[in-house]
C-alpha atoms as a PDB file:
ATOM      1  CA  MET A   1       6.670  -5.004 -42.814  1.00  0.00           C
ATOM      2  CA  SER A   2       8.631  -6.616 -39.923  1.00  0.00           C
ATOM      3  CA  ASN A   3       7.362  -9.393 -37.799  1.00  0.00           C
ATOM      4  CA  THR A   4       9.282  -8.322 -34.722  1.00  0.00           C
ATOM      5  CA  SER A   5       7.091  -6.808 -32.218  1.00  0.00           C
ATOM      6  CA  ASN A   6       8.127  -3.743 -30.170  1.00  0.00           C
ATOM      7  CA  SER A   7       7.438  -4.327 -26.353  1.00  0.00           C
ATOM      8  CA  SER A   8       6.901  -0.592 -25.741  1.00  0.00           C
ATOM      9  CA  SER A   9       3.852  -0.724 -28.163  1.00  0.00           C
ATOM     10  CA  TYR A  10       2.019  -2.710 -25.304  1.00  0.00           C
ATOM     11  CA  PHE A  11       2.769  -0.087 -22.544  1.00  0.00           C
ATOM     12  CA  VAL A  12      -0.055   1.982 -21.275  1.00  0.00           C
ATOM     13  CA  PRO A  13       0.968   5.253 -19.852  1.00  0.00           C
ATOM     14  CA  LEU A  14      -0.344   5.782 -16.364  1.00  0.00           C
ATOM     15  CA  THR A  15      -1.712   9.247 -15.229  1.00  0.00           C
ATOM     16  CA  PRO A  16      -1.056  10.547 -11.869  1.00  0.00           C
ATOM     17  CA  LEU A  17      -4.558   9.654 -10.735  1.00  0.00           C
ATOM     18  CA  ASP A  18      -3.920   6.046 -11.821  1.00  0.00           C
ATOM     19  CA  LEU A  19      -0.816   5.988  -9.532  1.00  0.00           C
ATOM     20  CA  VAL A  20      -2.709   7.312  -6.531  1.00  0.00           C
ATOM     21  CA  VAL A  21      -5.828   5.128  -6.893  1.00  0.00           C
ATOM     22  CA  ASN A  22      -4.004   1.844  -7.776  1.00  0.00           C
ATOM     23  CA  GLY A  23      -0.665   2.586  -5.902  1.00  0.00           C
ATOM     24  CA  ILE A  24      -2.102   3.943  -2.597  1.00  0.00           C
ATOM     25  CA  ILE A  25      -5.806   3.660  -2.271  1.00  0.00           C
ATOM     26  CA  SER A  26      -6.134   0.224  -3.554  1.00  0.00           C
ATOM     27  CA  PRO A  27      -3.709  -1.463  -1.221  1.00  0.00           C
ATOM     28  CA  PHE A  28      -5.116   0.303   1.706  1.00  0.00           C
ATOM     29  CA  VAL A  29      -8.821  -0.902   0.794  1.00  0.00           C
ATOM     30  CA  VAL A  30      -7.461  -4.435   0.294  1.00  0.00           C
ATOM     31  CA  ILE A  31      -5.577  -4.377   3.698  1.00  0.00           C
ATOM     32  CA  LEU A  32      -8.848  -3.106   5.488  1.00  0.00           C
ATOM     33  CA  THR A  33     -10.834  -5.517   3.694  1.00  0.00           C
ATOM     34  CA  VAL A  34      -8.525  -8.407   4.845  1.00  0.00           C
ATOM     35  CA  VAL A  35      -8.740  -7.220   8.476  1.00  0.00           C
ATOM     36  CA  THR A  36     -12.443  -6.964   8.452  1.00  0.00           C
ATOM     37  CA  ASN A  37     -13.189 -10.274   6.623  1.00  0.00           C
ATOM     38  CA  ALA A  38     -10.794 -12.055   9.376  1.00  0.00           C
ATOM     39  CA  LEU A  39     -12.984 -10.496  11.979  1.00  0.00           C
ATOM     40  CA  VAL A  40     -16.068 -11.743  10.315  1.00  0.00           C
ATOM     41  CA  CYS A  41     -14.646 -15.169   9.977  1.00  0.00           C
ATOM     42  CA  ALA A  42     -13.574 -15.245  13.597  1.00  0.00           C
ATOM     43  CA  VAL A  43     -16.975 -14.244  14.779  1.00  0.00           C
ATOM     44  CA  LEU A  44     -19.004 -16.608  12.646  1.00  0.00           C
ATOM     45  CA  LEU A  45     -16.742 -19.588  13.154  1.00  0.00           C
ATOM     46  CA  ARG A  46     -17.416 -19.950  16.873  1.00  0.00           C
ATOM     47  CA  ARG A  47     -19.008 -23.145  18.048  1.00  0.00           C
ATOM     48  CA  HIS A  48     -22.451 -21.644  18.865  1.00  0.00           C
ATOM     49  CA  MET A  49     -22.583 -19.277  15.737  1.00  0.00           C
ATOM     50  CA  ARG A  50     -22.210 -22.346  13.366  1.00  0.00           C
ATOM     51  CA  SER A  51     -24.996 -22.749  10.875  1.00  0.00           C
ATOM     52  CA  LYS A  52     -25.395 -23.141   7.164  1.00  0.00           C
ATOM     53  CA  THR A  53     -26.106 -19.610   6.606  1.00  0.00           C
ATOM     54  CA  ASN A  54     -22.909 -18.464   8.548  1.00  0.00           C
ATOM     55  CA  SER A  55     -20.986 -20.982   6.653  1.00  0.00           C
ATOM     56  CA  ILE A  56     -22.034 -19.363   3.374  1.00  0.00           C
ATOM     57  CA  LEU A  57     -21.155 -15.935   4.878  1.00  0.00           C
ATOM     58  CA  VAL A  58     -17.716 -17.181   5.975  1.00  0.00           C
ATOM     59  CA  SER A  59     -17.101 -18.477   2.425  1.00  0.00           C
ATOM     60  CA  MET A  60     -18.044 -15.130   0.988  1.00  0.00           C
ATOM     61  CA  ALA A  61     -15.706 -13.431   3.279  1.00  0.00           C
ATOM     62  CA  VAL A  62     -12.842 -15.781   2.037  1.00  0.00           C
ATOM     63  CA  ALA A  63     -13.719 -15.143  -1.507  1.00  0.00           C
ATOM     64  CA  ASP A  64     -13.961 -11.402  -1.088  1.00  0.00           C
ATOM     65  CA  THR A  65     -10.447 -11.524   0.705  1.00  0.00           C
ATOM     66  CA  LEU A  66      -8.997 -13.701  -2.150  1.00  0.00           C
ATOM     67  CA  THR A  67     -10.405 -11.226  -4.704  1.00  0.00           C
ATOM     68  CA  GLY A  68      -8.572  -8.533  -3.116  1.00  0.00           C
ATOM     69  CA  ILE A  69      -5.266 -10.320  -2.320  1.00  0.00           C
ATOM     70  CA  CYS A  70      -4.788 -11.701  -6.051  1.00  0.00           C
ATOM     71  CA  PRO A  71      -4.122  -8.175  -7.675  1.00  0.00           C
ATOM     72  CA  LEU A  72      -2.293  -6.855  -4.669  1.00  0.00           C
ATOM     73  CA  PRO A  73       1.226  -7.405  -6.050  1.00  0.00           C
ATOM     74  CA  SER A  74       0.618  -5.474  -9.154  1.00  0.00           C
ATOM     75  CA  TYR A  75      -0.842  -2.628  -7.083  1.00  0.00           C
ATOM     76  CA  LEU A  76       2.398  -2.641  -4.925  1.00  0.00           C
ATOM     77  CA  LEU A  77       4.662  -2.745  -8.018  1.00  0.00           C
ATOM     78  CA  LEU A  78       3.145   0.436  -9.206  1.00  0.00           C
ATOM     79  CA  THR A  79       4.538   2.335  -6.156  1.00  0.00           C
ATOM     80  CA  ARG A  80       7.995   1.580  -7.027  1.00  0.00           C
END
């Protein structure tokens, strides 16, 4: 038995459906989410709209945006 590891043994083959969902649909959904969350933040951060509840909603929109943006580079690498 050899201690050398074969890097190809860790490769998970992707199906055409994986490429469509993760390479095309997911980036579109992430971009749509970023745009809508930016609009939510723009509305809720107006001076007359500021309240504790709206601050929580803004923080949820920011967290949702970051949840989508963090895996985005790996989605974009699938399309290459």
